[in-house]
Every structure is written in structure tokens, then in C-alpha cells.
């Protein structure tokens, strides 16, 4: 990924892990033997470094795929890239004080590089599905895997494969107008004036990333 110095996230990796957790529906990429690319859009679980013994020095990602997904047969032992996209949106030159200027797109993304291991072990798959559901279900009264009949759960688990990715390298690009510090207040004001959750999220991300004097 092309990352100009203004937009690089290198010293403190916590914002990269934060983005992965808050935008966990990512893109899983690997190459085929013929040189082509396979891609799947899946929700991920993140184990940060030190959170569990298996997480490794830079952490790990977990996800599952349908067993019928052709990518599932390719992944075991292969290098993969996972892409996570955070807040993003259009920035008009009308919002800048410094002229001349052109439109741009502000965004925050994380690329995770690692090696995949595939499991079909029922216990590991059950733990993965159960944990994923607990992230999104309410703590009180939410759906639980244990509520379903055991025969149904067993059949469901036979239809998926689990993927564990040991993180070897993270790249973060937070392109949030850091190269135009004098124009950040105007962009923030314009985004907040436009309203909407997406514009508010982008404005908040820009505010956090703004160079501090």
C-alpha cells in the first residue's frame, strides 16, 4: 500500500487494532496457484498481542468461511492479506482556506498480512461462532448458540471452516488531511454541518489524527 509519511501509522499501533475491532467486516485475500486472486467478505475476530497465549507477538485474526467457498480449500498455510476500512468520505476544496486546491477523499484503512491456518475441528468452530455472536448480540436476552438443537448446530458446523491468521505485519494509512493542518478546522466544520453518521465518524477520525502543537 502506498503510504505517504503524513498518513502513516507506525509508532503506536493501537489505533490500527482499534479500527479492526470497530470495522471488523473485512476483506480476506489470497492468491490462487494460477496467480489469480480469491476474496471473501467476512466478519473477523481480533486477538490483540498478549490477549491469549495463541495470539503471538502481533496478535491474530479469526474468521470462518462456508466449506463450499472455493477460497477455503486454498488458505491453509498460505500468506493472506486482510483489509479493513474505517471512516471515509469526500472532501471539497470549497472547505479549504488555502487555494488553489482540488477535491480529495479522506479515509482510514488497515492492511493485515499473515499466514492462514484452517481448522475443521468442531470444538474450535463452535467457540469461534459462539464468540462472534456474543460480540454483536446483546448481553441480556441475545441469541446464543446453545439455544439451538445440538443436531442443528452440528450440521451447521460441518458446513464451515475456521481460519486463524497469525499477524506478521500491519499497515495503517489514515489519510485525514494531516498534510493540510490549516484546513482541518474548515473541513471538520463542513462535515459536521452536513450531518449524518458517516460524516460525523470521519470528522471524529480527523480530529483524533490532527497534528497537535
N, C-alpha and C. Protein backbone atom coordinates (compact mmCIF):
# COMPACT_ATOMS: atom_id res chain seq x y z
N UNK A 1 0.84 -1.19 0.00
CA UNK A 1 0.00 0.00 0.00
C UNK A 1 0.88 1.24 0.00
N UNK A 2 0.55 2.18 -0.84
CA UNK A 2 1.28 3.45 -0.90
C UNK A 2 0.87 4.31 0.30
N UNK A 3 1.85 4.68 1.13
CA UNK A 3 1.56 5.43 2.35
C UNK A 3 2.52 6.61 2.46
N UNK A 4 2.13 7.80 2.03
CA UNK A 4 2.95 8.98 2.27
C UNK A 4 3.18 9.19 3.77
N UNK A 5 4.28 9.82 4.11
CA UNK A 5 4.68 9.96 5.51
C UNK A 5 3.60 10.63 6.36
N UNK A 6 2.90 11.62 5.79
CA UNK A 6 1.87 12.33 6.55
C UNK A 6 0.79 11.39 7.07
N UNK A 7 0.53 10.31 6.33
CA UNK A 7 -0.63 9.47 6.61
C UNK A 7 -0.26 8.13 7.23
N UNK A 8 1.01 7.91 7.52
CA UNK A 8 1.46 6.62 8.05
C UNK A 8 1.16 6.51 9.54
N UNK A 9 0.83 5.30 9.97
CA UNK A 9 0.65 4.99 11.38
C UNK A 9 1.68 3.92 11.71
N UNK A 10 2.72 4.32 12.43
CA UNK A 10 3.84 3.38 12.63
C UNK A 10 4.20 3.17 14.09
N UNK A 11 4.35 4.23 14.86
CA UNK A 11 4.89 4.09 16.21
C UNK A 11 3.91 3.46 17.18
N UNK A 12 2.69 3.94 17.19
CA UNK A 12 1.66 3.43 18.08
C UNK A 12 0.64 2.67 17.24
N UNK A 13 0.64 1.34 17.38
CA UNK A 13 -0.24 0.51 16.57
C UNK A 13 -1.64 0.36 17.16
N UNK A 14 -1.87 0.90 18.35
CA UNK A 14 -3.18 0.76 18.98
C UNK A 14 -4.31 1.27 18.09
N UNK A 15 -4.15 2.41 17.38
CA UNK A 15 -5.25 2.85 16.50
C UNK A 15 -5.57 1.85 15.39
N UNK A 16 -4.58 1.08 14.97
CA UNK A 16 -4.84 0.08 13.93
C UNK A 16 -5.70 -1.06 14.48
N UNK A 17 -5.36 -1.53 15.67
CA UNK A 17 -6.18 -2.57 16.30
C UNK A 17 -7.58 -2.04 16.60
N UNK A 18 -7.66 -0.77 17.02
CA UNK A 18 -8.97 -0.18 17.30
C UNK A 18 -9.84 -0.16 16.04
N UNK A 19 -9.25 0.21 14.91
CA UNK A 19 -10.01 0.26 13.66
C UNK A 19 -10.49 -1.13 13.27
N UNK A 20 -9.62 -2.13 13.41
CA UNK A 20 -10.02 -3.51 13.07
C UNK A 20 -11.23 -3.93 13.91
N UNK A 21 -11.19 -3.65 15.20
CA UNK A 21 -12.29 -4.07 16.06
C UNK A 21 -13.57 -3.31 15.77
N UNK A 22 -13.47 -2.03 15.44
CA UNK A 22 -14.67 -1.23 15.22
C UNK A 22 -15.21 -1.35 13.80
N UNK A 23 -14.42 -1.90 12.88
CA UNK A 23 -14.85 -2.11 11.50
C UNK A 23 -14.43 -3.52 11.09
N UNK A 24 -14.98 -4.50 11.79
CA UNK A 24 -14.47 -5.87 11.73
C UNK A 24 -14.93 -6.64 10.50
N UNK A 25 -15.85 -6.07 9.71
CA UNK A 25 -16.26 -6.75 8.48
C UNK A 25 -15.22 -6.40 7.41
N UNK A 26 -14.31 -7.34 7.17
CA UNK A 26 -13.17 -7.07 6.31
C UNK A 26 -13.13 -7.93 5.06
N UNK A 27 -12.06 -7.78 4.32
CA UNK A 27 -11.85 -8.49 3.06
C UNK A 27 -10.65 -9.41 3.22
N UNK A 28 -10.86 -10.70 2.98
CA UNK A 28 -9.82 -11.73 3.07
C UNK A 28 -9.34 -12.07 1.68
N UNK A 29 -8.06 -11.84 1.42
CA UNK A 29 -7.47 -12.02 0.09
C UNK A 29 -6.36 -13.05 0.12
N UNK A 30 -6.30 -13.89 -0.92
CA UNK A 30 -5.17 -14.79 -1.12
C UNK A 30 -5.01 -15.04 -2.61
N UNK A 31 -3.87 -15.54 -3.00
CA UNK A 31 -3.63 -15.84 -4.41
C UNK A 31 -3.90 -17.32 -4.69
N UNK A 32 -4.33 -17.58 -5.92
CA UNK A 32 -4.51 -18.96 -6.38
C UNK A 32 -3.21 -19.45 -7.03
N UNK A 33 -3.16 -20.73 -7.30
CA UNK A 33 -1.97 -21.30 -7.94
C UNK A 33 -1.74 -20.72 -9.33
N UNK A 34 -2.82 -20.27 -9.99
CA UNK A 34 -2.66 -19.71 -11.32
C UNK A 34 -2.33 -18.23 -11.30
N UNK A 35 -2.12 -17.68 -10.10
CA UNK A 35 -1.77 -16.27 -9.97
C UNK A 35 -2.96 -15.36 -9.79
N UNK A 36 -4.18 -15.88 -9.92
CA UNK A 36 -5.36 -15.07 -9.69
C UNK A 36 -5.57 -14.81 -8.21
N UNK A 37 -6.57 -14.02 -7.89
CA UNK A 37 -6.85 -13.62 -6.52
C UNK A 37 -8.23 -14.11 -6.11
N UNK A 38 -8.31 -14.68 -4.92
CA UNK A 38 -9.59 -15.04 -4.31
C UNK A 38 -9.87 -14.07 -3.17
N UNK A 39 -11.13 -13.67 -3.02
CA UNK A 39 -11.51 -12.71 -1.99
C UNK A 39 -12.83 -13.11 -1.36
N UNK A 40 -12.92 -12.92 -0.04
CA UNK A 40 -14.17 -13.16 0.69
C UNK A 40 -14.38 -12.01 1.67
N UNK A 41 -15.64 -11.58 1.79
CA UNK A 41 -16.01 -10.55 2.74
C UNK A 41 -16.56 -11.24 3.98
N UNK A 42 -15.89 -11.06 5.11
CA UNK A 42 -16.26 -11.80 6.32
C UNK A 42 -16.06 -10.94 7.57
N UNK A 43 -16.81 -11.23 8.63
CA UNK A 43 -16.54 -10.59 9.92
C UNK A 43 -15.38 -11.30 10.61
N UNK A 44 -14.49 -10.51 11.18
CA UNK A 44 -13.31 -11.05 11.85
C UNK A 44 -13.40 -10.85 13.36
N UNK A 45 -12.73 -11.71 14.07
CA UNK A 45 -12.41 -11.52 15.48
C UNK A 45 -10.94 -11.19 15.59
N UNK A 46 -10.59 -10.29 16.50
CA UNK A 46 -9.20 -9.90 16.72
C UNK A 46 -8.77 -10.30 18.10
N UNK A 47 -7.64 -10.99 18.19
CA UNK A 47 -6.94 -11.20 19.45
C UNK A 47 -5.70 -10.31 19.44
N UNK A 48 -5.69 -9.31 20.28
CA UNK A 48 -4.55 -8.40 20.33
C UNK A 48 -3.33 -9.11 20.92
N UNK A 49 -2.14 -8.57 20.69
CA UNK A 49 -0.95 -9.19 21.26
C UNK A 49 -1.08 -9.34 22.77
N UNK A 50 -0.77 -10.55 23.24
CA UNK A 50 -0.80 -10.80 24.67
C UNK A 50 -2.17 -11.11 25.24
N UNK A 51 -3.24 -10.99 24.43
CA UNK A 51 -4.58 -11.23 24.96
C UNK A 51 -4.83 -12.71 25.24
N UNK A 52 -4.29 -13.58 24.43
CA UNK A 52 -4.35 -15.02 24.66
C UNK A 52 -2.99 -15.60 24.26
N UNK A 53 -2.70 -16.79 24.76
CA UNK A 53 -1.39 -17.39 24.51
C UNK A 53 -1.14 -17.60 23.03
N UNK A 54 -2.21 -17.87 22.27
CA UNK A 54 -2.05 -18.17 20.85
C UNK A 54 -1.94 -16.92 19.98
N UNK A 55 -2.07 -15.74 20.56
CA UNK A 55 -2.17 -14.54 19.75
C UNK A 55 -0.86 -14.17 19.05
N UNK A 56 0.28 -14.50 19.64
CA UNK A 56 1.55 -14.18 19.00
C UNK A 56 1.96 -12.74 19.26
N UNK A 57 3.13 -12.37 18.74
CA UNK A 57 3.72 -11.08 19.04
C UNK A 57 2.90 -9.91 18.52
N UNK A 58 2.19 -10.09 17.40
CA UNK A 58 1.40 -9.02 16.83
C UNK A 58 -0.09 -9.33 16.80
N UNK A 59 -0.47 -10.40 17.45
CA UNK A 59 -1.88 -10.75 17.52
C UNK A 59 -2.30 -11.71 16.42
N UNK A 60 -3.59 -11.98 16.37
CA UNK A 60 -4.12 -12.88 15.35
C UNK A 60 -5.55 -12.48 15.00
N UNK A 61 -5.98 -12.91 13.83
CA UNK A 61 -7.35 -12.74 13.36
C UNK A 61 -8.00 -14.11 13.23
N UNK A 62 -9.30 -14.15 13.49
CA UNK A 62 -10.08 -15.37 13.34
C UNK A 62 -11.30 -15.06 12.49
N UNK A 63 -11.67 -16.00 11.64
CA UNK A 63 -12.91 -15.87 10.87
C UNK A 63 -13.32 -17.27 10.44
N UNK A 64 -14.49 -17.35 9.81
CA UNK A 64 -14.89 -18.64 9.24
C UNK A 64 -15.52 -18.40 7.88
N UNK A 65 -15.43 -19.43 7.05
CA UNK A 65 -15.98 -19.42 5.70
C UNK A 65 -16.90 -20.62 5.51
N UNK A 66 -17.81 -20.50 4.58
CA UNK A 66 -18.57 -21.67 4.17
C UNK A 66 -17.61 -22.71 3.58
N UNK A 67 -17.80 -23.96 3.95
CA UNK A 67 -16.93 -25.01 3.42
C UNK A 67 -17.00 -25.09 1.90
N UNK A 68 -18.14 -24.68 1.33
CA UNK A 68 -18.30 -24.71 -0.12
C UNK A 68 -17.60 -23.55 -0.82
N UNK A 69 -17.14 -22.58 -0.07
CA UNK A 69 -16.40 -21.45 -0.64
C UNK A 69 -15.07 -21.95 -1.17
N UNK A 70 -14.80 -21.73 -2.45
CA UNK A 70 -13.56 -22.23 -3.04
C UNK A 70 -12.31 -21.71 -2.37
N UNK A 71 -12.39 -20.54 -1.75
CA UNK A 71 -11.21 -20.00 -1.07
C UNK A 71 -10.80 -20.85 0.13
N UNK A 72 -11.77 -21.53 0.74
CA UNK A 72 -11.47 -22.34 1.92
C UNK A 72 -10.43 -23.42 1.62
N UNK A 73 -10.45 -23.96 0.42
CA UNK A 73 -9.52 -25.03 0.04
C UNK A 73 -8.13 -24.49 -0.27
N UNK A 74 -7.99 -23.18 -0.43
CA UNK A 74 -6.71 -22.59 -0.81
C UNK A 74 -5.90 -22.07 0.37
N UNK A 75 -6.55 -21.83 1.51
CA UNK A 75 -5.95 -20.97 2.52
C UNK A 75 -4.89 -21.62 3.39
N UNK A 76 -5.02 -22.89 3.68
CA UNK A 76 -4.17 -23.49 4.71
C UNK A 76 -2.69 -23.34 4.38
N UNK A 77 -1.98 -22.64 5.25
CA UNK A 77 -0.54 -22.45 5.10
C UNK A 77 -0.14 -21.32 4.17
N UNK A 78 -1.11 -20.64 3.56
CA UNK A 78 -0.79 -19.60 2.58
C UNK A 78 -0.72 -18.22 3.22
N UNK A 79 0.10 -17.33 2.64
CA UNK A 79 0.06 -15.93 3.05
C UNK A 79 -1.24 -15.29 2.60
N UNK A 80 -1.78 -14.42 3.44
CA UNK A 80 -3.03 -13.74 3.13
C UNK A 80 -2.91 -12.27 3.50
N UNK A 81 -3.79 -11.48 2.94
CA UNK A 81 -3.94 -10.08 3.32
C UNK A 81 -5.39 -9.83 3.69
N UNK A 82 -5.60 -9.13 4.79
CA UNK A 82 -6.94 -8.77 5.24
C UNK A 82 -7.03 -7.24 5.26
N UNK A 83 -8.10 -6.70 4.69
CA UNK A 83 -8.26 -5.26 4.56
C UNK A 83 -9.47 -4.81 5.36
N UNK A 84 -9.26 -3.76 6.16
CA UNK A 84 -10.32 -3.19 6.98
C UNK A 84 -10.43 -1.70 6.67
N UNK A 85 -11.63 -1.26 6.39
CA UNK A 85 -11.87 0.13 6.01
C UNK A 85 -12.66 0.84 7.09
N UNK A 86 -12.10 1.95 7.56
CA UNK A 86 -12.75 2.75 8.58
C UNK A 86 -13.53 3.90 7.97
N UNK A 87 -13.69 5.00 8.71
CA UNK A 87 -14.45 6.15 8.20
C UNK A 87 -13.83 6.69 6.91
N UNK A 88 -14.70 7.16 6.01
CA UNK A 88 -14.19 7.73 4.76
C UNK A 88 -15.23 8.66 4.18
N UNK A 89 -14.80 9.56 3.31
CA UNK A 89 -15.75 10.46 2.67
C UNK A 89 -15.09 11.52 1.82
N UNK A 90 -15.90 12.16 1.02
CA UNK A 90 -15.47 13.20 0.09
C UNK A 90 -15.13 14.49 0.83
N UNK A 91 -14.06 15.15 0.37
CA UNK A 91 -13.65 16.44 0.91
C UNK A 91 -13.61 17.44 -0.25
N UNK A 92 -14.40 18.50 -0.14
CA UNK A 92 -14.48 19.51 -1.20
C UNK A 92 -13.42 20.59 -1.01
N UNK A 93 -12.82 21.08 -2.09
CA UNK A 93 -11.88 22.20 -1.97
C UNK A 93 -12.58 23.47 -1.50
N UNK A 94 -13.90 23.51 -1.56
CA UNK A 94 -14.63 24.67 -1.05
C UNK A 94 -14.42 24.85 0.45
N UNK A 95 -14.03 23.77 1.13
CA UNK A 95 -13.88 23.82 2.58
C UNK A 95 -12.48 24.27 3.02
N UNK A 96 -11.59 24.45 2.05
CA UNK A 96 -10.21 24.82 2.34
C UNK A 96 -10.06 26.33 2.38
N UNK A 97 -9.14 26.77 3.23
CA UNK A 97 -8.72 28.17 3.21
C UNK A 97 -7.61 28.38 2.19
N UNK A 98 -6.72 27.42 2.10
CA UNK A 98 -5.56 27.53 1.21
C UNK A 98 -5.95 27.14 -0.20
N UNK A 99 -5.70 28.03 -1.15
CA UNK A 99 -6.02 27.80 -2.55
C UNK A 99 -4.73 27.96 -3.38
N UNK A 100 -4.66 27.36 -4.58
CA UNK A 100 -5.66 26.50 -5.21
C UNK A 100 -5.72 25.13 -4.55
N UNK A 101 -6.78 24.40 -4.83
CA UNK A 101 -6.97 23.08 -4.23
C UNK A 101 -7.90 22.26 -5.12
N UNK A 102 -7.86 20.96 -4.93
CA UNK A 102 -8.70 20.04 -5.69
C UNK A 102 -9.44 19.13 -4.71
N UNK A 103 -10.51 18.48 -5.17
CA UNK A 103 -11.21 17.54 -4.29
C UNK A 103 -10.33 16.36 -3.91
N UNK A 104 -10.67 15.74 -2.80
CA UNK A 104 -9.96 14.54 -2.39
C UNK A 104 -10.92 13.64 -1.61
N UNK A 105 -10.42 12.50 -1.22
CA UNK A 105 -11.20 11.54 -0.42
C UNK A 105 -10.39 11.22 0.82
N UNK A 106 -10.95 11.47 1.99
CA UNK A 106 -10.29 11.13 3.24
C UNK A 106 -10.75 9.74 3.69
N UNK A 107 -9.83 9.00 4.30
CA UNK A 107 -10.18 7.64 4.71
C UNK A 107 -9.15 7.10 5.68
N UNK A 108 -9.55 6.02 6.37
CA UNK A 108 -8.64 5.28 7.24
C UNK A 108 -8.77 3.80 6.90
N UNK A 109 -7.63 3.16 6.64
CA UNK A 109 -7.64 1.74 6.29
C UNK A 109 -6.48 1.02 6.99
N UNK A 110 -6.67 -0.26 7.22
CA UNK A 110 -5.61 -1.11 7.77
C UNK A 110 -5.49 -2.34 6.89
N UNK A 111 -4.25 -2.68 6.52
CA UNK A 111 -3.95 -3.93 5.84
C UNK A 111 -3.20 -4.83 6.82
N UNK A 112 -3.67 -6.04 6.95
CA UNK A 112 -3.03 -7.03 7.83
C UNK A 112 -2.47 -8.14 6.96
N UNK A 113 -1.20 -8.45 7.16
CA UNK A 113 -0.54 -9.52 6.42
C UNK A 113 -0.17 -10.65 7.38
N UNK A 114 -0.40 -11.87 6.97
CA UNK A 114 -0.06 -13.01 7.82
C UNK A 114 -0.22 -14.31 7.06
N UNK A 115 -0.21 -15.40 7.80
CA UNK A 115 -0.33 -16.73 7.20
C UNK A 115 -1.53 -17.44 7.82
N UNK A 116 -2.32 -18.07 6.99
CA UNK A 116 -3.58 -18.68 7.44
C UNK A 116 -3.40 -20.14 7.81
N UNK A 117 -4.11 -20.54 8.83
CA UNK A 117 -4.26 -21.95 9.19
C UNK A 117 -5.75 -22.26 9.25
N UNK A 118 -6.14 -23.36 8.63
CA UNK A 118 -7.55 -23.74 8.54
C UNK A 118 -7.84 -24.87 9.51
N UNK A 119 -8.99 -24.77 10.19
CA UNK A 119 -9.41 -25.85 11.08
C UNK A 119 -10.83 -26.28 10.75
N UNK A 120 -11.08 -27.57 10.89
CA UNK A 120 -12.43 -28.12 10.76
C UNK A 120 -12.84 -28.82 12.05
N UNK A 121 -12.08 -28.58 13.10
CA UNK A 121 -12.35 -29.21 14.39
C UNK A 121 -13.59 -28.58 15.01
N UNK A 122 -14.56 -29.41 15.38
CA UNK A 122 -15.88 -28.92 15.78
C UNK A 122 -15.80 -28.01 17.00
N UNK A 123 -14.98 -28.36 17.97
CA UNK A 123 -14.88 -27.55 19.18
C UNK A 123 -14.36 -26.15 18.90
N UNK A 124 -13.34 -26.07 18.06
CA UNK A 124 -12.78 -24.77 17.71
C UNK A 124 -13.78 -23.93 16.93
N UNK A 125 -14.51 -24.58 16.02
CA UNK A 125 -15.52 -23.87 15.23
C UNK A 125 -16.65 -23.38 16.12
N UNK A 126 -17.08 -24.20 17.03
CA UNK A 126 -18.16 -23.80 17.95
C UNK A 126 -17.74 -22.59 18.77
N UNK A 127 -16.52 -22.63 19.30
CA UNK A 127 -16.03 -21.50 20.09
C UNK A 127 -15.99 -20.22 19.25
N UNK A 128 -15.59 -20.34 17.99
CA UNK A 128 -15.47 -19.18 17.12
C UNK A 128 -16.84 -18.57 16.84
N UNK A 129 -17.81 -19.42 16.48
CA UNK A 129 -19.16 -18.93 16.18
C UNK A 129 -19.80 -18.35 17.44
N UNK A 130 -19.62 -19.00 18.56
CA UNK A 130 -20.19 -18.54 19.81
C UNK A 130 -19.60 -17.18 20.20
N UNK A 131 -18.30 -17.05 20.06
CA UNK A 131 -17.65 -15.80 20.41
C UNK A 131 -18.09 -14.67 19.48
N UNK A 132 -18.20 -14.96 18.20
CA UNK A 132 -18.59 -13.94 17.24
C UNK A 132 -20.01 -13.44 17.53
N UNK A 133 -20.91 -14.36 17.84
CA UNK A 133 -22.28 -13.95 18.12
C UNK A 133 -22.35 -13.08 19.37
N UNK A 134 -21.50 -13.35 20.35
CA UNK A 134 -21.53 -12.57 21.59
C UNK A 134 -21.03 -11.14 21.37
N UNK A 135 -20.24 -10.92 20.33
CA UNK A 135 -19.80 -9.56 20.03
C UNK A 135 -20.98 -8.70 19.60
N UNK A 136 -21.92 -9.28 18.88
CA UNK A 136 -22.99 -8.50 18.25
C UNK A 136 -24.35 -8.67 18.91
N UNK A 137 -24.55 -9.73 19.67
CA UNK A 137 -25.81 -9.91 20.37
C UNK A 137 -25.80 -9.15 21.70
N UNK A 138 -26.96 -8.68 22.15
CA UNK A 138 -27.00 -8.02 23.45
C UNK A 138 -26.67 -9.00 24.57
N UNK A 139 -26.06 -8.47 25.64
CA UNK A 139 -25.66 -9.33 26.75
C UNK A 139 -26.86 -9.97 27.42
N UNK A 140 -27.96 -9.23 27.49
CA UNK A 140 -29.19 -9.75 28.10
C UNK A 140 -30.21 -10.08 27.01
N UNK A 141 -30.60 -11.33 26.94
CA UNK A 141 -31.66 -11.73 26.02
C UNK A 141 -31.22 -11.95 24.59
N UNK A 142 -29.92 -11.93 24.33
CA UNK A 142 -29.44 -12.14 22.98
C UNK A 142 -29.47 -13.60 22.56
N UNK A 143 -29.39 -13.81 21.25
CA UNK A 143 -29.33 -15.18 20.74
C UNK A 143 -28.05 -15.85 21.20
N UNK A 144 -28.15 -17.15 21.53
CA UNK A 144 -27.00 -17.94 21.93
C UNK A 144 -26.98 -19.24 21.14
N UNK A 145 -25.78 -19.65 20.79
CA UNK A 145 -25.64 -20.90 20.03
C UNK A 145 -26.24 -22.07 20.80
N UNK A 146 -26.10 -22.04 22.11
CA UNK A 146 -26.63 -23.13 22.93
C UNK A 146 -28.14 -23.22 22.95
N UNK A 147 -28.83 -22.19 22.43
CA UNK A 147 -30.29 -22.24 22.37
C UNK A 147 -30.80 -23.17 21.27
N UNK A 148 -29.94 -23.48 20.31
CA UNK A 148 -30.36 -24.27 19.16
C UNK A 148 -30.16 -25.77 19.42
N UNK A 149 -30.94 -26.60 18.74
CA UNK A 149 -30.79 -28.05 18.91
C UNK A 149 -29.38 -28.52 18.53
N UNK A 150 -28.86 -29.46 19.28
CA UNK A 150 -27.49 -29.94 19.05
C UNK A 150 -27.32 -30.50 17.64
N UNK A 151 -28.34 -31.17 17.11
CA UNK A 151 -28.22 -31.74 15.76
C UNK A 151 -28.11 -30.63 14.71
N UNK A 152 -28.84 -29.54 14.92
CA UNK A 152 -28.77 -28.40 14.00
C UNK A 152 -27.39 -27.75 14.06
N UNK A 153 -26.88 -27.55 15.28
CA UNK A 153 -25.56 -26.92 15.45
C UNK A 153 -24.48 -27.79 14.82
N UNK A 154 -24.54 -29.08 15.06
CA UNK A 154 -23.53 -29.98 14.49
C UNK A 154 -23.53 -29.93 12.97
N UNK A 155 -24.71 -29.89 12.38
CA UNK A 155 -24.81 -29.82 10.92
C UNK A 155 -24.27 -28.49 10.41
N UNK A 156 -24.58 -27.42 11.12
CA UNK A 156 -24.09 -26.11 10.73
C UNK A 156 -22.57 -26.05 10.78
N UNK A 157 -21.99 -26.61 11.83
CA UNK A 157 -20.53 -26.58 11.97
C UNK A 157 -19.84 -27.40 10.89
N UNK A 158 -20.51 -28.46 10.41
CA UNK A 158 -19.91 -29.25 9.34
C UNK A 158 -19.89 -28.47 8.02
N UNK A 159 -20.66 -27.40 7.94
CA UNK A 159 -20.72 -26.62 6.71
C UNK A 159 -19.79 -25.43 6.67
N UNK A 160 -18.91 -25.29 7.68
CA UNK A 160 -17.98 -24.16 7.70
C UNK A 160 -16.58 -24.64 8.01
N UNK A 161 -15.61 -23.77 7.74
CA UNK A 161 -14.23 -23.99 8.16
C UNK A 161 -13.76 -22.75 8.90
N UNK A 162 -12.93 -22.93 9.89
CA UNK A 162 -12.37 -21.82 10.64
C UNK A 162 -11.02 -21.42 10.09
N UNK A 163 -10.70 -20.15 10.18
CA UNK A 163 -9.43 -19.63 9.68
C UNK A 163 -8.77 -18.81 10.79
N UNK A 164 -7.56 -19.17 11.12
CA UNK A 164 -6.74 -18.42 12.07
C UNK A 164 -5.57 -17.81 11.32
N UNK A 165 -5.37 -16.51 11.49
CA UNK A 165 -4.30 -15.79 10.78
C UNK A 165 -3.36 -15.17 11.80
N UNK A 166 -2.15 -15.68 11.87
CA UNK A 166 -1.13 -15.08 12.73
C UNK A 166 -0.63 -13.81 12.06
N UNK A 167 -0.81 -12.68 12.73
CA UNK A 167 -0.43 -11.40 12.14
C UNK A 167 1.09 -11.27 12.10
N UNK A 168 1.60 -11.02 10.91
CA UNK A 168 3.04 -10.82 10.73
C UNK A 168 3.39 -9.35 10.50
N UNK A 169 2.44 -8.60 9.92
CA UNK A 169 2.71 -7.19 9.63
C UNK A 169 1.40 -6.44 9.48
N UNK A 170 1.37 -5.23 10.04
CA UNK A 170 0.22 -4.35 9.89
C UNK A 170 0.64 -3.08 9.18
N UNK A 171 -0.22 -2.60 8.28
CA UNK A 171 -0.01 -1.31 7.63
C UNK A 171 -1.25 -0.46 7.87
N UNK A 172 -1.02 0.76 8.31
CA UNK A 172 -2.13 1.67 8.51
C UNK A 172 -1.95 2.94 7.71
N UNK A 173 -2.99 3.34 7.01
CA UNK A 173 -2.99 4.60 6.29
C UNK A 173 -4.22 5.39 6.72
N UNK A 174 -3.96 6.46 7.47
CA UNK A 174 -5.02 7.35 7.91
C UNK A 174 -4.86 8.66 7.15
N UNK A 175 -5.50 8.75 6.00
CA UNK A 175 -5.42 9.94 5.15
C UNK A 175 -6.53 10.90 5.58
N UNK A 176 -6.19 11.79 6.51
CA UNK A 176 -7.20 12.60 7.20
C UNK A 176 -6.81 14.07 7.25
N UNK A 177 -6.23 14.55 6.14
CA UNK A 177 -5.87 15.97 5.98
C UNK A 177 -4.71 16.41 6.87
N UNK A 178 -3.89 15.46 7.35
CA UNK A 178 -2.75 15.87 8.18
C UNK A 178 -1.76 16.73 7.40
N UNK A 179 -1.77 16.60 6.06
CA UNK A 179 -0.86 17.40 5.24
C UNK A 179 -1.36 18.82 5.02
N UNK A 180 -2.57 19.12 5.50
CA UNK A 180 -3.14 20.47 5.37
C UNK A 180 -3.68 20.90 6.73
N UNK A 181 -2.81 21.04 7.73
CA UNK A 181 -3.29 21.31 9.09
C UNK A 181 -4.12 22.58 9.20
N UNK A 182 -3.78 23.60 8.40
CA UNK A 182 -4.55 24.83 8.47
C UNK A 182 -5.96 24.72 7.95
N UNK A 183 -6.21 23.68 7.15
CA UNK A 183 -7.54 23.49 6.57
C UNK A 183 -8.41 22.52 7.36
N UNK A 184 -7.84 21.86 8.33
CA UNK A 184 -8.60 20.86 9.09
C UNK A 184 -9.83 21.47 9.77
N UNK A 185 -9.71 22.64 10.44
CA UNK A 185 -10.92 23.19 11.08
C UNK A 185 -12.07 23.41 10.10
N UNK A 186 -11.76 23.89 8.91
CA UNK A 186 -12.82 24.11 7.93
C UNK A 186 -13.47 22.83 7.45
N UNK A 187 -12.66 21.80 7.26
CA UNK A 187 -13.21 20.50 6.83
C UNK A 187 -14.07 19.90 7.94
N UNK A 188 -13.57 19.99 9.18
CA UNK A 188 -14.35 19.47 10.30
C UNK A 188 -15.71 20.17 10.40
N UNK A 189 -15.68 21.49 10.29
CA UNK A 189 -16.93 22.25 10.39
C UNK A 189 -17.90 21.87 9.27
N UNK A 190 -17.38 21.71 8.06
CA UNK A 190 -18.24 21.36 6.93
C UNK A 190 -18.85 19.97 7.09
N UNK A 191 -18.04 19.01 7.54
CA UNK A 191 -18.55 17.65 7.73
C UNK A 191 -19.63 17.62 8.81
N UNK A 192 -19.38 18.33 9.89
CA UNK A 192 -20.37 18.33 10.98
C UNK A 192 -21.64 19.07 10.56
N UNK A 193 -21.47 20.08 9.72
CA UNK A 193 -22.64 20.81 9.23
C UNK A 193 -23.48 19.94 8.28
N UNK A 194 -22.81 19.09 7.50
CA UNK A 194 -23.54 18.19 6.61
C UNK A 194 -24.38 17.19 7.39
N UNK A 195 -23.86 16.76 8.53
CA UNK A 195 -24.59 15.82 9.37
C UNK A 195 -24.52 14.40 8.85
N UNK A 196 -25.12 13.49 9.58
CA UNK A 196 -25.11 12.08 9.22
C UNK A 196 -24.01 11.34 9.96
N UNK A 197 -24.26 10.06 10.19
CA UNK A 197 -23.31 9.25 10.96
C UNK A 197 -21.96 9.14 10.26
N UNK A 198 -21.96 8.96 8.94
CA UNK A 198 -20.70 8.78 8.21
C UNK A 198 -19.84 10.04 8.28
N UNK A 199 -20.45 11.20 8.09
CA UNK A 199 -19.69 12.44 8.16
C UNK A 199 -19.19 12.70 9.58
N UNK A 200 -20.00 12.40 10.57
CA UNK A 200 -19.58 12.57 11.96
C UNK A 200 -18.41 11.66 12.30
N UNK A 201 -18.47 10.41 11.83
CA UNK A 201 -17.38 9.47 12.10
C UNK A 201 -16.09 9.92 11.44
N UNK A 202 -16.17 10.44 10.22
CA UNK A 202 -14.98 10.94 9.54
C UNK A 202 -14.43 12.16 10.25
N UNK A 203 -15.29 13.07 10.67
CA UNK A 203 -14.84 14.25 11.40
C UNK A 203 -14.15 13.85 12.70
N UNK A 204 -14.71 12.89 13.41
CA UNK A 204 -14.09 12.43 14.66
C UNK A 204 -12.71 11.82 14.40
N UNK A 205 -12.61 11.02 13.33
CA UNK A 205 -11.32 10.41 13.00
C UNK A 205 -10.29 11.49 12.63
N UNK A 206 -10.72 12.50 11.87
CA UNK A 206 -9.81 13.59 11.51
C UNK A 206 -9.35 14.34 12.76
N UNK A 207 -10.26 14.59 13.66
CA UNK A 207 -9.91 15.31 14.89
C UNK A 207 -8.88 14.55 15.71
N UNK A 208 -9.05 13.23 15.80
CA UNK A 208 -8.09 12.42 16.55
C UNK A 208 -6.72 12.40 15.89
N UNK A 209 -6.69 12.42 14.56
CA UNK A 209 -5.42 12.30 13.83
C UNK A 209 -4.74 13.64 13.57
N UNK A 210 -5.42 14.74 13.88
CA UNK A 210 -4.87 16.07 13.57
C UNK A 210 -3.56 16.31 14.29
N UNK A 211 -2.57 16.87 13.61
CA UNK A 211 -1.29 17.19 14.27
C UNK A 211 -1.52 18.12 15.46
N UNK A 212 -0.89 17.81 16.58
CA UNK A 212 -1.03 18.63 17.78
C UNK A 212 0.21 19.48 17.97
N UNK A 213 0.01 20.74 18.30
CA UNK A 213 1.14 21.66 18.55
C UNK A 213 1.71 21.44 19.93
